[in-house]
C-alpha atoms as a PDB file:
ATOM      1  CA  MET A   1     124.533 104.163 114.495  1.00  0.00           C
ATOM      2  CA  ALA A   2     124.806 106.053 111.231  1.00  0.00           C
ATOM      3  CA  LEU A   3     125.702 104.876 107.685  1.00  0.00           C
ATOM      4  CA  TYR A   4     128.152 107.270 106.090  1.00  0.00           C
ATOM      5  CA  THR A   5     129.836 107.590 102.555  1.00  0.00           C
ATOM      6  CA  ILE A   6     132.913 109.572 101.413  1.00  0.00           C
ATOM      7  CA  GLY A   7     135.250 108.911  98.573  1.00  0.00           C
ATOM      8  CA  ASP A   8     138.414 109.798  97.037  1.00  0.00           C
ATOM      9  CA  LEU A   9     140.665 110.564 100.302  1.00  0.00           C
ATOM     10  CA  HIS A  10     143.460 110.166  97.951  1.00  0.00           C
ATOM     11  CA  LEU A  11     145.770 109.684 101.166  1.00  0.00           C
ATOM     12  CA  SER A  12     150.169 109.240 100.825  1.00  0.00           C
ATOM     13  CA  LEU A  13     151.670 109.504 104.082  1.00  0.00           C
ATOM     14  CA  GLY A  14     153.611 106.578 103.133  1.00  0.00           C
ATOM     15  CA  SER A  15     154.628 107.919  99.535  1.00  0.00           C
ATOM     16  CA  ASP A  16     155.388 111.433  97.870  1.00  0.00           C
ATOM     17  CA  LYS A  17     152.219 112.341  96.143  1.00  0.00           C
ATOM     18  CA  PRO A  18     150.146 115.152  98.485  1.00  0.00           C
ATOM     19  CA  MET A  19     147.247 116.570  96.840  1.00  0.00           C
ATOM     20  CA  ASP A  20     147.258 119.916  98.198  1.00  0.00           C
ATOM     21  CA  ILE A  21     149.337 120.971  94.633  1.00  0.00           C
ATOM     22  CA  PHE A  22     146.033 120.657  93.050  1.00  0.00           C
ATOM     23  CA  GLY A  23     144.880 124.178  94.562  1.00  0.00           C
ATOM     24  CA  GLU A  24     143.538 125.321  97.842  1.00  0.00           C
ATOM     25  CA  GLY A  25     140.648 123.163  97.547  1.00  0.00           C
ATOM     26  CA  TRP A  26     142.802 120.011  98.621  1.00  0.00           C
ATOM     27  CA  SER A  27     145.126 122.471 101.149  1.00  0.00           C
ATOM     28  CA  ASN A  28     145.207 120.542 104.587  1.00  0.00           C
ATOM     29  CA  TYR A  29     143.408 117.661 103.295  1.00  0.00           C
ATOM     30  CA  VAL A  30     144.226 114.983 105.922  1.00  0.00           C
ATOM     31  CA  GLU A  31     143.716 116.909 108.666  1.00  0.00           C
ATOM     32  CA  ARG A  32     140.075 118.152 107.334  1.00  0.00           C
ATOM     33  CA  ILE A  33     139.542 114.497 107.012  1.00  0.00           C
ATOM     34  CA  ARG A  34     140.536 113.532 110.360  1.00  0.00           C
ATOM     35  CA  GLU A  35     138.016 116.460 111.361  1.00  0.00           C
ATOM     36  CA  GLY A  36     135.087 115.407 109.078  1.00  0.00           C
ATOM     37  CA  PHE A  37     134.917 111.969 110.999  1.00  0.00           C
ATOM     38  CA  SER A  38     135.649 113.677 114.510  1.00  0.00           C
ATOM     39  CA  GLU A  39     131.999 113.512 114.402  1.00  0.00           C
ATOM     40  CA  LEU A  40     130.947 109.766 113.932  1.00  0.00           C
ATOM     41  CA  GLY A  41     130.809 107.366 116.685  1.00  0.00           C
ATOM     42  CA  SER A  42     132.431 103.757 117.099  1.00  0.00           C
ATOM     43  CA  GLU A  43     129.255 102.046 115.965  1.00  0.00           C
ATOM     44  CA  ASP A  44     128.767 104.282 112.807  1.00  0.00           C
ATOM     45  CA  VAL A  45     129.543 103.018 109.656  1.00  0.00           C
ATOM     46  CA  THR A  46     131.306 104.364 106.751  1.00  0.00           C
ATOM     47  CA  VAL A  47     131.369 103.265 102.900  1.00  0.00           C
ATOM     48  CA  LEU A  48     134.699 104.795 101.769  1.00  0.00           C
ATOM     49  CA  CYS A  49     134.646 104.332  97.006  1.00  0.00           C
ATOM     50  CA  GLY A  50     137.163 104.175  96.368  1.00  0.00           C
ATOM     51  CA  ASP A  51     141.135 106.127  95.459  1.00  0.00           C
ATOM     52  CA  LEU A  52     141.973 105.873  99.376  1.00  0.00           C
ATOM     53  CA  SER A  53     145.604 105.752  98.816  1.00  0.00           C
ATOM     54  CA  TRP A  54     148.368 106.503  96.112  1.00  0.00           C
ATOM     55  CA  GLY A  55     150.537 103.505  97.828  1.00  0.00           C
ATOM     56  CA  MET A  56     151.529 101.611  95.485  1.00  0.00           C
ATOM     57  CA  SER A  57     151.406  98.059  97.251  1.00  0.00           C
ATOM     58  CA  LEU A  58     149.860  96.877 100.799  1.00  0.00           C
ATOM     59  CA  GLU A  59     152.856  97.459 102.044  1.00  0.00           C
ATOM     60  CA  GLU A  60     153.132 101.580 101.077  1.00  0.00           C
ATOM     61  CA  SER A  61     149.837 102.027 101.534  1.00  0.00           C
ATOM     62  CA  LEU A  62     149.894 100.887 105.444  1.00  0.00           C
ATOM     63  CA  GLN A  63     150.419 104.617 107.216  1.00  0.00           C
ATOM     64  CA  ASP A  64     147.035 104.975 104.799  1.00  0.00           C
ATOM     65  CA  LEU A  65     145.365 102.220 106.000  1.00  0.00           C
ATOM     66  CA  THR A  66     145.931 102.726 109.496  1.00  0.00           C
ATOM     67  CA  PHE A  67     144.943 106.038 109.334  1.00  0.00           C
ATOM     68  CA  ILE A  68     142.031 105.226 107.709  1.00  0.00           C
ATOM     69  CA  HIS A  69     141.851 101.697 110.241  1.00  0.00           C
ATOM     70  CA  GLU A  70     142.311 104.843 113.323  1.00  0.00           C
ATOM     71  CA  LEU A  71     139.454 107.039 112.191  1.00  0.00           C
ATOM     72  CA  PRO A  72     135.884 106.428 114.019  1.00  0.00           C
ATOM     73  CA  GLY A  73     133.625 103.731 113.425  1.00  0.00           C
ATOM     74  CA  LYS A  74     133.494 100.700 110.727  1.00  0.00           C
ATOM     75  CA  LYS A  75     134.976 101.224 107.084  1.00  0.00           C
ATOM     76  CA  ILE A  76     133.778  99.333 103.966  1.00  0.00           C
ATOM     77  CA  LEU A  77     136.636 100.359 101.042  1.00  0.00           C
ATOM     78  CA  MET A  78     136.287  99.715  97.982  1.00  0.00           C
ATOM     79  CA  LYS A  79     138.286 100.013  94.404  1.00  0.00           C
ATOM     80  CA  GLY A  80     138.594 103.408  92.679  1.00  0.00           C
ATOM     81  CA  ASN A  81     141.040 103.605  89.676  1.00  0.00           C
ATOM     82  CA  HIS A  82     144.402 104.996  91.193  1.00  0.00           C
ATOM     83  CA  ASP A  83     144.543 102.158  94.142  1.00  0.00           C
ATOM     84  CA  TYR A  84     147.610 100.381  92.853  1.00  0.00           C
ATOM     85  CA  TRP A  85     147.845  98.716  96.158  1.00  0.00           C
ATOM     86  CA  TRP A  86     145.058  96.606  95.311  1.00  0.00           C
ATOM     87  CA  ASN A  87     145.074  93.080  96.130  1.00  0.00           C
ATOM     88  CA  THR A  88     142.916  89.588  96.366  1.00  0.00           C
ATOM     89  CA  ALA A  89     139.806  89.639  98.654  1.00  0.00           C
ATOM     90  CA  ALA A  90     141.751  87.144 100.694  1.00  0.00           C
ATOM     91  CA  LYS A  91     145.361  88.738 100.636  1.00  0.00           C
ATOM     92  CA  MET A  92     143.785  92.399 101.710  1.00  0.00           C
ATOM     93  CA  GLN A  93     141.698  90.592 104.583  1.00  0.00           C
ATOM     94  CA  ARG A  94     145.213  88.567 105.523  1.00  0.00           C
ATOM     95  CA  PHE A  95     147.338  91.810 105.285  1.00  0.00           C
ATOM     96  CA  PHE A  96     144.600  93.337 107.536  1.00  0.00           C
ATOM     97  CA  ASP A  97     144.460  90.692 110.379  1.00  0.00           C
ATOM     98  CA  GLU A  98     148.565  90.735 110.426  1.00  0.00           C
ATOM     99  CA  ASN A  99     148.500  94.818 110.906  1.00  0.00           C
ATOM    100  CA  GLY A 100     145.712  95.059 113.425  1.00  0.00           C
ATOM    101  CA  LEU A 101     143.566  96.558 110.804  1.00  0.00           C
ATOM    102  CA  ASP A 102     140.380  94.816 112.102  1.00  0.00           C
ATOM    103  CA  SER A 103     137.843  98.124 111.810  1.00  0.00           C
ATOM    104  CA  LEU A 104     138.316  97.676 107.599  1.00  0.00           C
ATOM    105  CA  GLN A 105     136.236  95.498 105.556  1.00  0.00           C
ATOM    106  CA  ILE A 106     135.781  95.134 101.642  1.00  0.00           C
ATOM    107  CA  LEU A 107     133.104  95.388  99.298  1.00  0.00           C
ATOM    108  CA  HIS A 108     134.530  93.634  95.895  1.00  0.00           C
ATOM    109  CA  ASN A 109     132.368  90.970  94.548  1.00  0.00           C
ATOM    110  CA  ASN A 110     129.835  90.642  97.373  1.00  0.00           C
ATOM    111  CA  CYS A 111     127.653  92.714  99.304  1.00  0.00           C
ATOM    112  CA  ILE A 112     127.807  93.681 103.356  1.00  0.00           C
ATOM    113  CA  PHE A 113     124.577  94.111 105.471  1.00  0.00           C
ATOM    114  CA  TYR A 114     123.820  97.087 107.460  1.00  0.00           C
ATOM    115  CA  GLY A 115     120.646  95.654 109.457  1.00  0.00           C
ATOM    116  CA  ASP A 116     118.446  94.873 106.721  1.00  0.00           C
ATOM    117  CA  ILE A 117     120.116  96.544 104.467  1.00  0.00           C
ATOM    118  CA  ALA A 118     122.430  95.594 101.753  1.00  0.00           C
ATOM    119  CA  LEU A 119     125.150  97.677 100.425  1.00  0.00           C
ATOM    120  CA  CYS A 120     126.750  96.714  97.214  1.00  0.00           C
ATOM    121  CA  GLY A 121     129.053  98.117  94.676  1.00  0.00           C
ATOM    122  CA  THR A 122     131.616  98.054  92.565  1.00  0.00           C
ATOM    123  CA  ARG A 123     134.147 100.357  90.916  1.00  0.00           C
ATOM    124  CA  GLY A 124     132.262 101.015  87.571  1.00  0.00           C
ATOM    125  CA  TRP A 125     133.330 101.879  84.397  1.00  0.00           C
ATOM    126  CA  PHE A 126     133.440 105.918  82.931  1.00  0.00           C
ATOM    127  CA  TYR A 127     133.850 107.086  79.665  1.00  0.00           C
ATOM    128  CA  GLU A 128     137.401 107.678  80.413  1.00  0.00           C
ATOM    129  CA  LEU A 129     138.452 104.457  80.159  1.00  0.00           C
ATOM    130  CA  GLU A 130     136.948 104.066  76.868  1.00  0.00           C
ATOM    131  CA  GLU A 131     140.234 103.031  73.803  1.00  0.00           C
ATOM    132  CA  PRO A 132     139.045 102.908  70.006  1.00  0.00           C
ATOM    133  CA  GLY A 133     140.244  98.949  69.391  1.00  0.00           C
ATOM    134  CA  GLY A 134     140.858  98.146  72.628  1.00  0.00           C
ATOM    135  CA  HIS A 135     139.286  95.835  75.006  1.00  0.00           C
ATOM    136  CA  THR A 136     136.202  98.310  76.354  1.00  0.00           C
ATOM    137  CA  GLU A 137     133.471  95.928  75.786  1.00  0.00           C
ATOM    138  CA  LYS A 138     135.021  93.126  77.596  1.00  0.00           C
ATOM    139  CA  MET A 139     135.886  95.166  80.555  1.00  0.00           C
ATOM    140  CA  ARG A 140     133.165  97.375  81.198  1.00  0.00           C
ATOM    141  CA  SER A 141     130.757  93.469  81.003  1.00  0.00           C
ATOM    142  CA  ARG A 142     133.596  92.489  83.427  1.00  0.00           C
ATOM    143  CA  GLU A 143     132.722  95.660  86.210  1.00  0.00           C
ATOM    144  CA  ALA A 144     128.963  94.746  85.428  1.00  0.00           C
ATOM    145  CA  GLY A 145     129.041  91.401  86.276  1.00  0.00           C
ATOM    146  CA  ARG A 146     130.834  92.739  89.575  1.00  0.00           C
ATOM    147  CA  LEU A 147     128.022  94.887  90.385  1.00  0.00           C
ATOM    148  CA  GLU A 148     125.666  91.999  89.473  1.00  0.00           C
ATOM    149  CA  THR A 149     127.027  89.973  91.463  1.00  0.00           C
ATOM    150  CA  SER A 150     126.572  92.118  94.637  1.00  0.00           C
ATOM    151  CA  LEU A 151     123.106  92.616  93.785  1.00  0.00           C
ATOM    152  CA  LYS A 152     122.612  89.129  93.707  1.00  0.00           C
ATOM    153  CA  ALA A 153     124.704  88.488  96.981  1.00  0.00           C
ATOM    154  CA  ALA A 154     121.312  90.911  98.393  1.00  0.00           C
ATOM    155  CA  GLY A 155     118.822  88.835  98.083  1.00  0.00           C
ATOM    156  CA  GLU A 156     115.530  90.062  98.537  1.00  0.00           C
ATOM    157  CA  ARG A 157     116.939  93.138 100.855  1.00  0.00           C
ATOM    158  CA  GLU A 158     116.571  96.488 100.116  1.00  0.00           C
ATOM    159  CA  LYS A 159     119.813  97.870  98.425  1.00  0.00           C
ATOM    160  CA  LEU A 160     122.041 100.753  98.228  1.00  0.00           C
ATOM    161  CA  CYS A 161     124.867 101.187  95.775  1.00  0.00           C
ATOM    162  CA  PHE A 162     127.789 102.090  95.485  1.00  0.00           C
ATOM    163  CA  LEU A 163     130.359 103.104  92.573  1.00  0.00           C
ATOM    164  CA  HIS A 164     134.052 104.778  92.587  1.00  0.00           C
ATOM    165  CA  TYR A 165     132.692 105.522  88.256  1.00  0.00           C
ATOM    166  CA  PRO A 166     129.596 107.918  87.979  1.00  0.00           C
ATOM    167  CA  PRO A 167     127.630 106.058  86.198  1.00  0.00           C
ATOM    168  CA  LEU A 168     125.368 109.138  84.770  1.00  0.00           C
ATOM    169  CA  TYR A 169     127.637 112.252  83.204  1.00  0.00           C
ATOM    170  CA  THR A 170     126.458 115.672  81.627  1.00  0.00           C
ATOM    171  CA  GLY A 171     126.224 113.982  77.813  1.00  0.00           C
ATOM    172  CA  TYR A 172     127.026 110.631  79.130  1.00  0.00           C
ATOM    173  CA  ARG A 173     125.411 107.099  80.529  1.00  0.00           C
ATOM    174  CA  CYS A 174     127.064 104.067  81.223  1.00  0.00           C
ATOM    175  CA  GLU A 175     123.926 101.400  79.819  1.00  0.00           C
ATOM    176  CA  GLU A 176     125.289  98.781  81.450  1.00  0.00           C
ATOM    177  CA  MET A 177     125.162  99.820  85.470  1.00  0.00           C
ATOM    178  CA  LEU A 178     122.351 101.838  84.786  1.00  0.00           C
ATOM    179  CA  ARG A 179     120.115  99.138  83.051  1.00  0.00           C
ATOM    180  CA  LEU A 180     121.214  97.059  86.427  1.00  0.00           C
ATOM    181  CA  LEU A 181     120.603  99.928  88.932  1.00  0.00           C
ATOM    182  CA  GLN A 182     116.760  99.711  87.729  1.00  0.00           C
ATOM    183  CA  GLN A 183     116.666  96.064  87.293  1.00  0.00           C
ATOM    184  CA  TYR A 184     117.662  95.341  91.264  1.00  0.00           C
ATOM    185  CA  GLY A 185     115.279  97.990  92.288  1.00  0.00           C
ATOM    186  CA  VAL A 186     118.493 100.011  93.946  1.00  0.00           C
ATOM    187  CA  LYS A 187     116.665 103.198  95.151  1.00  0.00           C
ATOM    188  CA  LYS A 188     119.927 105.727  96.017  1.00  0.00           C
ATOM    189  CA  CYS A 189     123.358 104.997  94.318  1.00  0.00           C
ATOM    190  CA  CYS A 190     126.533 107.145  95.799  1.00  0.00           C
ATOM    191  CA  TYR A 191     129.925 107.818  93.660  1.00  0.00           C
ATOM    192  CA  GLY A 192     133.339 109.492  93.553  1.00  0.00           C
ATOM    193  CA  HIS A 193     136.028 110.326  91.485  1.00  0.00           C
ATOM    194  CA  LEU A 194     134.831 113.583  90.028  1.00  0.00           C
ATOM    195  CA  HIS A 195     137.130 116.485  91.553  1.00  0.00           C
ATOM    196  CA  GLY A 196     137.194 120.649  90.644  1.00  0.00           C
ATOM    197  CA  GLY A 197     134.527 122.765  90.312  1.00  0.00           C
ATOM    198  CA  VAL A 198     134.277 121.981  86.176  1.00  0.00           C
ATOM    199  CA  ALA A 199     133.423 118.159  87.235  1.00  0.00           C
ATOM    200  CA  HIS A 200     131.042 118.770  90.440  1.00  0.00           C
ATOM    201  CA  ALA A 201     128.894 120.752  88.487  1.00  0.00           C
ATOM    202  CA  ARG A 202     128.474 118.124  85.269  1.00  0.00           C
ATOM    203  CA  ALA A 203     128.085 115.881  88.001  1.00  0.00           C
ATOM    204  CA  VAL A 204     124.248 114.659  87.709  1.00  0.00           C
ATOM    205  CA  GLN A 205     122.373 114.276  90.937  1.00  0.00           C
ATOM    206  CA  GLY A 206     119.025 113.306  92.304  1.00  0.00           C
ATOM    207  CA  GLU A 207     116.083 111.292  90.743  1.00  0.00           C
ATOM    208  CA  ARG A 208     116.757 109.666  87.323  1.00  0.00           C
ATOM    209  CA  ASP A 209     114.396 106.355  86.164  1.00  0.00           C
ATOM    210  CA  GLY A 210     113.928 105.691  90.014  1.00  0.00           C
ATOM    211  CA  THR A 211     117.140 105.996  92.185  1.00  0.00           C
ATOM    212  CA  ASP A 212     118.639 108.839  93.839  1.00  0.00           C
ATOM    213  CA  PHE A 213     122.461 109.745  92.182  1.00  0.00           C
ATOM    214  CA  SER A 214     124.532 111.488  94.680  1.00  0.00           C
ATOM    215  CA  LEU A 215     128.042 112.634  94.528  1.00  0.00           C
ATOM    216  CA  VAL A 216     129.886 111.770  97.200  1.00  0.00           C
ATOM    217  CA  SER A 217     133.763 113.044  96.360  1.00  0.00           C
ATOM    218  CA  ALA A 218     136.280 114.122  99.562  1.00  0.00           C
ATOM    219  CA  ASP A 219     136.913 117.384  98.042  1.00  0.00           C
ATOM    220  CA  TYR A 220     132.955 117.979  96.872  1.00  0.00           C
ATOM    221  CA  LEU A 221     132.232 117.301 100.708  1.00  0.00           C
ATOM    222  CA  ARG A 222     134.375 119.202 102.624  1.00  0.00           C
ATOM    223  CA  PHE A 223     136.081 115.897 103.396  1.00  0.00           C
ATOM    224  CA  LYS A 224     133.378 115.274 105.601  1.00  0.00           C
ATOM    225  CA  PRO A 225     131.406 111.748 105.198  1.00  0.00           C
ATOM    226  CA  LYS A 226     128.222 112.386 104.069  1.00  0.00           C
ATOM    227  CA  LYS A 227     125.296 110.327 106.273  1.00  0.00           C
ATOM    228  CA  ILE A 228     123.004 108.589 104.148  1.00  0.00           C
ATOM    229  CA  LEU A 229     121.172 106.187 106.980  1.00  0.00           C
ATOM    230  CA  GLU A 230     120.295 106.905 110.633  1.00  0.00           C
END
């Protein structure tokens, strides 16, 4: 059994928004995702860091969620900024049950245990969301609260954190998220959202203030999940 992660699958099997229009890096990406998962086994676990389906509702996302379900192993789903299909945990779980999607779990206002390790996370916050005169501070605090809820649910266990948005980026720091990572002793944080060579180059990776950061966007990983624990 091993733990993997990857973000930003951007599937559109039930809608018309293919990602290969964004350049060669996304060419044939659905088959590349399938191939990237082919080395995983049925007992392996993959945390999916948001932006999973372009569907606008659970029903429109069914083909994408079925594709994810049929990939090897167990999959833990998180919300990204383009997951418009995302709903309450109760509605999503009911939809999963009704459609036999029993390899999918939801990470949202909770944590999930991988052996003695707690998998924690939330969507997070990024400077792109800042709006002068808007409710920026309130919404940023809400995301920080969701992360703290997840971290508290872990108790005294070792914690790994998964976010959709990067808490660190060249020229940017989300202080609320970073403070929680330090406060709760998070040793590793994986995030997605960033696409293309320019954004990848500006990603902050490696150890900062006691936490090791990793970019796990699908196009950055060449559509192969990143193993983070045996």
